N, C-alpha and C. Protein backbone atom coordinates (compact mmCIF):
# COMPACT_ATOMS: atom_id res chain seq x y z
N MET A 1 -26.03 -6.59 5.26
CA MET A 1 -25.71 -5.25 4.83
C MET A 1 -25.40 -4.37 6.04
N LEU A 2 -26.18 -4.54 7.10
CA LEU A 2 -25.96 -3.71 8.29
C LEU A 2 -24.61 -3.99 8.92
N TYR A 3 -24.18 -5.25 8.92
CA TYR A 3 -22.87 -5.58 9.47
C TYR A 3 -21.77 -4.87 8.70
N LEU A 4 -21.84 -4.90 7.39
CA LEU A 4 -20.82 -4.24 6.57
C LEU A 4 -20.82 -2.73 6.78
N GLN A 5 -22.01 -2.15 6.90
CA GLN A 5 -22.10 -0.71 7.13
C GLN A 5 -21.50 -0.36 8.49
N GLY A 6 -21.78 -1.17 9.50
CA GLY A 6 -21.21 -0.94 10.82
C GLY A 6 -19.70 -1.09 10.82
N PHE A 7 -19.21 -2.10 10.11
CA PHE A 7 -17.77 -2.32 10.00
C PHE A 7 -17.09 -1.14 9.31
N ALA A 8 -17.69 -0.67 8.22
CA ALA A 8 -17.14 0.49 7.51
C ALA A 8 -17.17 1.74 8.39
N SER A 9 -18.23 1.90 9.17
CA SER A 9 -18.33 3.05 10.08
C SER A 9 -17.24 3.00 11.14
N ASN A 10 -16.97 1.82 11.68
CA ASN A 10 -15.92 1.68 12.68
C ASN A 10 -14.55 2.01 12.10
N LEU A 11 -14.28 1.53 10.90
CA LEU A 11 -13.00 1.83 10.27
C LEU A 11 -12.87 3.32 9.96
N THR A 12 -13.95 3.94 9.54
CA THR A 12 -13.93 5.37 9.25
C THR A 12 -13.72 6.17 10.52
N SER A 13 -14.33 5.73 11.60
CA SER A 13 -14.14 6.40 12.89
C SER A 13 -12.68 6.31 13.33
N ALA A 14 -12.07 5.16 13.15
CA ALA A 14 -10.65 5.01 13.49
C ALA A 14 -9.79 5.90 12.60
N ALA A 15 -10.14 5.99 11.33
CA ALA A 15 -9.38 6.85 10.41
C ALA A 15 -9.47 8.31 10.84
N GLN A 16 -10.61 8.74 11.36
CA GLN A 16 -10.76 10.12 11.82
C GLN A 16 -9.82 10.42 12.98
N ARG A 17 -9.57 9.43 13.82
CA ARG A 17 -8.68 9.64 14.96
C ARG A 17 -7.21 9.50 14.59
N LEU A 18 -6.92 8.77 13.52
CA LEU A 18 -5.53 8.52 13.15
C LEU A 18 -4.97 9.51 12.14
N MET A 19 -5.83 10.21 11.44
CA MET A 19 -5.37 11.12 10.39
C MET A 19 -6.31 12.31 10.30
N PRO A 20 -5.90 13.34 9.60
CA PRO A 20 -6.79 14.50 9.46
C PRO A 20 -7.94 14.20 8.51
N LEU A 21 -9.01 13.65 9.04
CA LEU A 21 -10.20 13.34 8.27
C LEU A 21 -11.39 13.90 9.03
N GLY A 22 -12.02 14.90 8.46
CA GLY A 22 -13.16 15.55 9.11
C GLY A 22 -14.43 14.74 8.98
N GLN A 23 -15.47 15.21 9.67
CA GLN A 23 -16.75 14.50 9.66
C GLN A 23 -17.37 14.45 8.27
N THR A 24 -17.28 15.55 7.54
CA THR A 24 -17.88 15.59 6.20
C THR A 24 -17.18 14.60 5.28
N ASP A 25 -15.85 14.58 5.32
CA ASP A 25 -15.11 13.63 4.48
C ASP A 25 -15.37 12.19 4.90
N ALA A 26 -15.53 11.97 6.20
CA ALA A 26 -15.83 10.62 6.68
C ALA A 26 -17.19 10.16 6.16
N GLN A 27 -18.18 11.04 6.21
CA GLN A 27 -19.50 10.68 5.70
C GLN A 27 -19.47 10.47 4.19
N ARG A 28 -18.68 11.27 3.50
CA ARG A 28 -18.53 11.11 2.05
C ARG A 28 -17.91 9.75 1.74
N THR A 29 -16.93 9.36 2.53
CA THR A 29 -16.28 8.06 2.35
C THR A 29 -17.28 6.93 2.56
N LEU A 30 -18.07 7.02 3.62
CA LEU A 30 -19.09 5.99 3.87
C LEU A 30 -20.11 5.92 2.74
N SER A 31 -20.46 7.07 2.22
CA SER A 31 -21.41 7.11 1.10
C SER A 31 -20.85 6.41 -0.13
N ARG A 32 -19.56 6.58 -0.36
CA ARG A 32 -18.92 5.93 -1.50
C ARG A 32 -18.76 4.42 -1.30
N LEU A 33 -18.71 3.99 -0.05
CA LEU A 33 -18.58 2.56 0.23
C LEU A 33 -19.90 1.81 0.14
N ALA A 34 -21.02 2.50 0.21
CA ALA A 34 -22.33 1.85 0.20
C ALA A 34 -22.55 0.95 -1.01
N PRO A 35 -22.24 1.39 -2.24
CA PRO A 35 -22.43 0.49 -3.38
C PRO A 35 -21.54 -0.76 -3.32
N ILE A 36 -20.36 -0.61 -2.77
CA ILE A 36 -19.46 -1.76 -2.64
C ILE A 36 -20.04 -2.76 -1.64
N CYS A 37 -20.58 -2.25 -0.52
CA CYS A 37 -21.21 -3.13 0.46
C CYS A 37 -22.41 -3.85 -0.15
N GLN A 38 -23.21 -3.13 -0.92
CA GLN A 38 -24.37 -3.76 -1.57
C GLN A 38 -23.93 -4.85 -2.54
N ARG A 39 -22.87 -4.59 -3.28
CA ARG A 39 -22.37 -5.59 -4.23
C ARG A 39 -21.88 -6.83 -3.49
N LEU A 40 -21.16 -6.64 -2.38
CA LEU A 40 -20.66 -7.77 -1.60
C LEU A 40 -21.80 -8.61 -1.03
N VAL A 41 -22.84 -7.94 -0.57
CA VAL A 41 -24.01 -8.66 -0.05
C VAL A 41 -24.63 -9.51 -1.16
N ALA A 42 -24.77 -8.93 -2.34
CA ALA A 42 -25.35 -9.67 -3.47
C ALA A 42 -24.48 -10.86 -3.87
N GLU A 43 -23.16 -10.67 -3.85
CA GLU A 43 -22.25 -11.74 -4.25
C GLU A 43 -22.24 -12.90 -3.26
N THR A 44 -22.49 -12.61 -2.00
CA THR A 44 -22.42 -13.66 -0.97
C THR A 44 -23.79 -14.15 -0.53
N ALA A 45 -24.84 -13.70 -1.17
CA ALA A 45 -26.20 -14.07 -0.76
C ALA A 45 -26.43 -15.58 -0.80
N ASN A 46 -25.82 -16.27 -1.73
CA ASN A 46 -26.02 -17.71 -1.87
C ASN A 46 -24.85 -18.53 -1.35
N ALA A 47 -23.99 -17.91 -0.57
CA ALA A 47 -22.83 -18.63 -0.04
C ALA A 47 -23.28 -19.62 1.04
N GLY A 48 -22.61 -20.74 1.08
CA GLY A 48 -22.89 -21.75 2.10
C GLY A 48 -22.12 -21.46 3.38
N SER A 49 -22.44 -22.19 4.43
CA SER A 49 -21.77 -21.96 5.71
C SER A 49 -20.28 -22.24 5.62
N SER A 50 -19.86 -23.19 4.81
CA SER A 50 -18.43 -23.47 4.68
C SER A 50 -17.71 -22.30 3.99
N ASP A 51 -18.40 -21.60 3.11
CA ASP A 51 -17.80 -20.43 2.47
C ASP A 51 -17.65 -19.28 3.46
N LEU A 52 -18.63 -19.11 4.32
CA LEU A 52 -18.63 -17.98 5.24
C LEU A 52 -17.75 -18.20 6.46
N CYS A 53 -17.54 -19.43 6.87
CA CYS A 53 -16.83 -19.71 8.12
C CYS A 53 -15.34 -19.95 7.96
N SER A 54 -14.83 -19.96 6.76
CA SER A 54 -13.44 -20.33 6.57
C SER A 54 -12.46 -19.34 7.18
N ASN A 55 -12.83 -18.08 7.34
CA ASN A 55 -11.91 -17.07 7.87
C ASN A 55 -12.31 -16.57 9.25
N ILE A 56 -13.44 -16.99 9.75
CA ILE A 56 -13.91 -16.47 11.03
C ILE A 56 -12.97 -16.87 12.16
N PHE A 57 -12.46 -18.08 12.15
CA PHE A 57 -11.58 -18.54 13.21
C PHE A 57 -10.34 -17.65 13.31
N LEU A 58 -9.70 -17.36 12.18
CA LEU A 58 -8.50 -16.52 12.19
C LEU A 58 -8.82 -15.10 12.64
N SER A 59 -9.98 -14.60 12.27
CA SER A 59 -10.39 -13.27 12.69
C SER A 59 -10.57 -13.22 14.21
N ASP A 60 -11.17 -14.25 14.78
CA ASP A 60 -11.36 -14.31 16.23
C ASP A 60 -10.02 -14.37 16.96
N ILE A 61 -9.09 -15.15 16.46
CA ILE A 61 -7.76 -15.23 17.08
C ILE A 61 -7.07 -13.87 17.04
N ALA A 62 -7.14 -13.19 15.90
CA ALA A 62 -6.53 -11.87 15.78
C ALA A 62 -7.16 -10.89 16.76
N ALA A 63 -8.47 -10.95 16.93
CA ALA A 63 -9.16 -10.05 17.85
C ALA A 63 -8.74 -10.32 19.30
N MET A 64 -8.52 -11.58 19.64
CA MET A 64 -8.12 -11.92 21.01
C MET A 64 -6.73 -11.41 21.34
N THR A 65 -5.87 -11.27 20.36
CA THR A 65 -4.51 -10.81 20.64
C THR A 65 -4.41 -9.30 20.73
N HIS A 66 -5.49 -8.58 20.42
CA HIS A 66 -5.44 -7.12 20.39
C HIS A 66 -5.02 -6.52 21.73
N GLU A 67 -5.54 -7.07 22.82
CA GLU A 67 -5.26 -6.47 24.13
C GLU A 67 -3.81 -6.59 24.55
N THR A 68 -3.05 -7.49 23.95
CA THR A 68 -1.65 -7.64 24.34
C THR A 68 -0.68 -6.98 23.36
N LEU A 69 -1.20 -6.33 22.33
CA LEU A 69 -0.33 -5.67 21.36
C LEU A 69 0.33 -4.45 21.96
N GLN A 70 1.55 -4.21 21.58
CA GLN A 70 2.27 -3.01 22.00
C GLN A 70 2.84 -2.33 20.78
N PRO A 71 2.61 -1.12 20.51
CA PRO A 71 1.63 -0.25 21.17
C PRO A 71 0.24 -0.46 20.60
N ARG A 72 -0.73 -0.20 21.42
CA ARG A 72 -2.12 -0.28 20.98
C ARG A 72 -2.53 1.07 20.43
N LEU A 73 -3.33 1.07 19.39
CA LEU A 73 -3.79 2.33 18.81
C LEU A 73 -4.81 3.01 19.70
N PHE A 74 -5.78 2.25 20.18
CA PHE A 74 -6.85 2.81 21.01
C PHE A 74 -7.02 1.92 22.22
N GLN A 75 -6.91 2.50 23.40
CA GLN A 75 -7.10 1.72 24.61
C GLN A 75 -8.51 1.92 25.11
N SER A 76 -9.15 0.82 25.43
CA SER A 76 -10.52 0.91 25.95
C SER A 76 -10.63 0.14 27.25
């Protein structure tokens, strides 16, 4: 659950920088996402490792290519 909440927070933070989204609206958005995160946790509670790992490899590859993208949204 904490991973999903952190992921949603990161996306909301990016949305605040990319569009006119204030802090109150961002918090409201996160509040609305909480039930969805809870449902996803419940749905995947009994998933096996093969269910969870099928997309991790592609996600890692996509993350590795971020630094070479042009243009980058946020430089760190």
